[in-house]
Amino acid sequence: MATFNKFNSFVEVVAEGGHSLGSDVLKIALTNSLPSASNQVLADITQISAGTGYTTGGTTVSVSSSSQTSGLYKLVGADVIFTATGVMGPLRYAVLYNDTATSDELVGWWDYGSAITLANGETFTVDLDASNGILTIS
């Protein structure tokens, strides 16, 4: 499973009330360029080319729960699946961002370790880990 990495600006935006993770529209965009922890908004990310199953701006995450227990907040969502309708990629990183936020503020990204190219009909699944959640905040 790919490891989740947060963008530095995410901490500040959360602290200043810029994210309502349980109700905002969160999306996952795909890129083959290494994100930097200092990136702040989706425009800082070079997405893969649109078409063949990928739409610029990515795909919406279906949030299934957003809650805290004993001071630990956990955001849980359904896996996001991209299906190639031709050759898609290469891609290596899945980037989570807040599409409701005015500037499409970034949240974090997953590194899949190497570039992936999908053939027509193949799928790429961003596993959002129903047990541990997309992210936790304590």
Protein backbone atom coordinates (compact mmCIF):
# COMPACT_ATOMS: atom_id res chain seq x y z
CA MET A 1 0.00 0.00 0.00
CA ALA A 2 1.23 3.47 -0.86
CA THR A 3 2.10 5.80 2.02
CA PHE A 4 0.14 9.01 2.56
CA ASN A 5 2.22 12.23 2.70
CA LYS A 6 0.65 15.54 3.75
CA PHE A 7 1.38 18.88 2.16
CA ASN A 8 2.81 21.37 4.67
CA SER A 9 0.12 23.97 3.96
CA PHE A 10 -2.62 21.49 4.92
CA VAL A 11 -1.82 22.00 8.62
CA GLU A 12 -2.24 25.77 8.40
CA VAL A 13 -5.40 25.60 6.30
CA VAL A 14 -6.98 23.18 8.83
CA ALA A 15 -5.94 25.41 11.76
CA GLU A 16 -7.45 28.46 10.07
CA GLY A 17 -10.76 26.76 9.24
CA GLY A 18 -10.16 26.38 5.50
CA HIS A 19 -11.19 22.71 5.29
CA SER A 20 -14.44 21.07 6.27
CA LEU A 21 -13.24 17.59 5.33
CA GLY A 22 -16.52 15.83 6.07
CA SER A 23 -18.61 18.03 3.79
CA ASP A 24 -16.27 19.65 1.24
CA VAL A 25 -15.80 18.01 -2.16
CA LEU A 26 -12.48 16.15 -2.05
CA LYS A 27 -10.92 14.86 -5.25
CA ILE A 28 -7.97 12.78 -6.33
CA ALA A 29 -5.85 13.96 -9.25
CA LEU A 30 -3.11 11.90 -10.90
CA THR A 31 0.42 12.98 -11.77
CA ASN A 32 3.72 11.45 -12.78
CA SER A 33 5.70 14.38 -11.32
CA LEU A 34 6.89 14.17 -7.70
CA PRO A 35 4.82 16.55 -5.56
CA SER A 36 6.72 18.77 -3.14
CA ALA A 37 5.59 19.09 0.48
CA SER A 38 5.70 22.86 -0.13
CA ASN A 39 3.05 22.73 -2.91
CA GLN A 40 -0.14 24.47 -1.80
CA VAL A 41 -2.81 24.33 -4.52
CA LEU A 42 -3.80 22.02 -7.38
CA ALA A 43 -2.28 24.45 -9.92
CA ASP A 44 1.13 23.52 -8.42
CA ILE A 45 0.65 19.92 -9.66
CA THR A 46 1.28 18.77 -13.24
CA GLN A 47 -1.56 16.34 -13.90
CA ILE A 48 -1.44 13.52 -16.43
CA SER A 49 -3.06 14.26 -19.78
CA ALA A 50 -6.84 14.29 -19.91
CA GLY A 51 -8.61 11.64 -21.95
CA THR A 52 -8.42 7.86 -22.08
CA GLY A 53 -10.26 7.61 -18.75
CA TYR A 54 -8.78 10.58 -16.90
CA THR A 55 -10.50 13.95 -16.53
CA THR A 56 -8.45 17.02 -15.61
CA GLY A 57 -9.11 17.69 -11.94
CA GLY A 58 -9.47 14.02 -11.12
CA THR A 59 -12.27 12.07 -9.49
CA THR A 60 -14.44 12.84 -6.47
CA VAL A 61 -13.87 10.93 -3.23
CA SER A 62 -17.03 9.55 -1.63
CA VAL A 63 -16.53 10.33 2.07
CA SER A 64 -18.21 7.68 4.22
CA SER A 65 -17.36 9.10 7.65
CA SER A 66 -15.72 12.09 9.25
CA SER A 67 -15.59 11.89 13.02
CA GLN A 68 -13.48 11.98 16.15
CA THR A 69 -13.23 9.57 19.05
CA SER A 70 -11.25 10.40 22.20
CA GLY A 71 -9.53 13.28 20.43
CA LEU A 72 -8.55 11.34 17.28
CA TYR A 73 -10.21 12.56 14.08
CA LYS A 74 -10.49 10.08 11.21
CA LEU A 75 -11.61 10.73 7.64
CA VAL A 76 -12.81 7.63 5.79
CA GLY A 77 -13.75 7.37 2.12
CA ALA A 78 -14.48 4.80 -0.56
CA ASP A 79 -11.67 3.71 -2.88
CA VAL A 80 -11.32 5.78 -6.06
CA ILE A 81 -11.01 3.75 -9.26
CA PHE A 82 -9.75 5.08 -12.59
CA THR A 83 -10.48 2.94 -15.68
CA ALA A 84 -8.42 3.40 -18.85
CA THR A 85 -10.33 3.85 -22.11
CA GLY A 86 -7.08 3.75 -24.05
CA VAL A 87 -3.50 4.05 -22.83
CA MET A 88 -3.52 6.09 -19.58
CA GLY A 89 -0.40 7.43 -17.92
CA PRO A 90 2.27 7.12 -17.00
CA LEU A 91 1.32 8.05 -13.45
CA ARG A 92 2.99 7.50 -10.09
CA TYR A 93 1.29 9.82 -7.59
CA ALA A 94 -2.32 10.28 -6.48
CA VAL A 95 -2.97 13.75 -5.04
CA LEU A 96 -5.84 14.51 -2.64
CA TYR A 97 -7.15 18.07 -2.73
CA ASN A 98 -10.15 20.12 -1.62
CA ASP A 99 -12.19 21.09 -4.69
CA THR A 100 -14.61 23.18 -2.59
CA ALA A 101 -11.81 25.47 -1.41
CA THR A 102 -11.39 28.59 -3.54
CA SER A 103 -7.87 27.73 -4.72
CA ASP A 104 -8.22 23.91 -4.65
CA GLU A 105 -5.97 23.57 -1.60
CA LEU A 106 -3.88 20.41 -1.43
CA VAL A 107 -4.20 17.87 1.38
CA GLY A 108 -1.72 15.08 0.64
CA TRP A 109 -0.44 12.51 -1.83
CA TRP A 110 0.39 8.82 -2.22
CA ASP A 111 3.56 7.56 -3.95
CA TYR A 112 3.11 4.25 -5.78
CA GLY A 113 6.86 3.67 -6.08
CA SER A 114 7.22 3.62 -9.87
CA ALA A 115 5.47 4.89 -12.97
CA ILE A 116 2.33 2.99 -13.98
CA THR A 117 0.84 2.92 -17.47
CA LEU A 118 -2.61 1.42 -17.95
CA ALA A 119 -3.72 -0.35 -21.10
CA ASN A 120 -7.27 -0.01 -22.41
CA GLY A 121 -9.71 -1.52 -19.88
CA GLU A 122 -7.20 -1.73 -17.00
CA THR A 123 -7.94 -0.03 -13.69
CA PHE A 124 -5.93 1.90 -11.12
CA THR A 125 -7.34 1.91 -7.58
CA VAL A 126 -6.47 4.48 -4.95
CA ASP A 127 -7.05 2.41 -1.80
CA LEU A 128 -8.37 4.78 0.85
CA ASP A 129 -8.10 2.18 3.67
CA ALA A 130 -11.54 1.82 5.24
CA SER A 131 -9.99 0.69 8.55
CA ASN A 132 -7.34 3.37 9.15
CA GLY A 133 -8.97 6.10 7.10
CA ILE A 134 -7.62 8.49 4.51
CA LEU A 135 -6.00 10.48 7.29
CA THR A 136 -6.11 10.97 11.01
CA ILE A 137 -5.54 14.10 13.08
CA SER A 138 -4.77 14.00 16.77
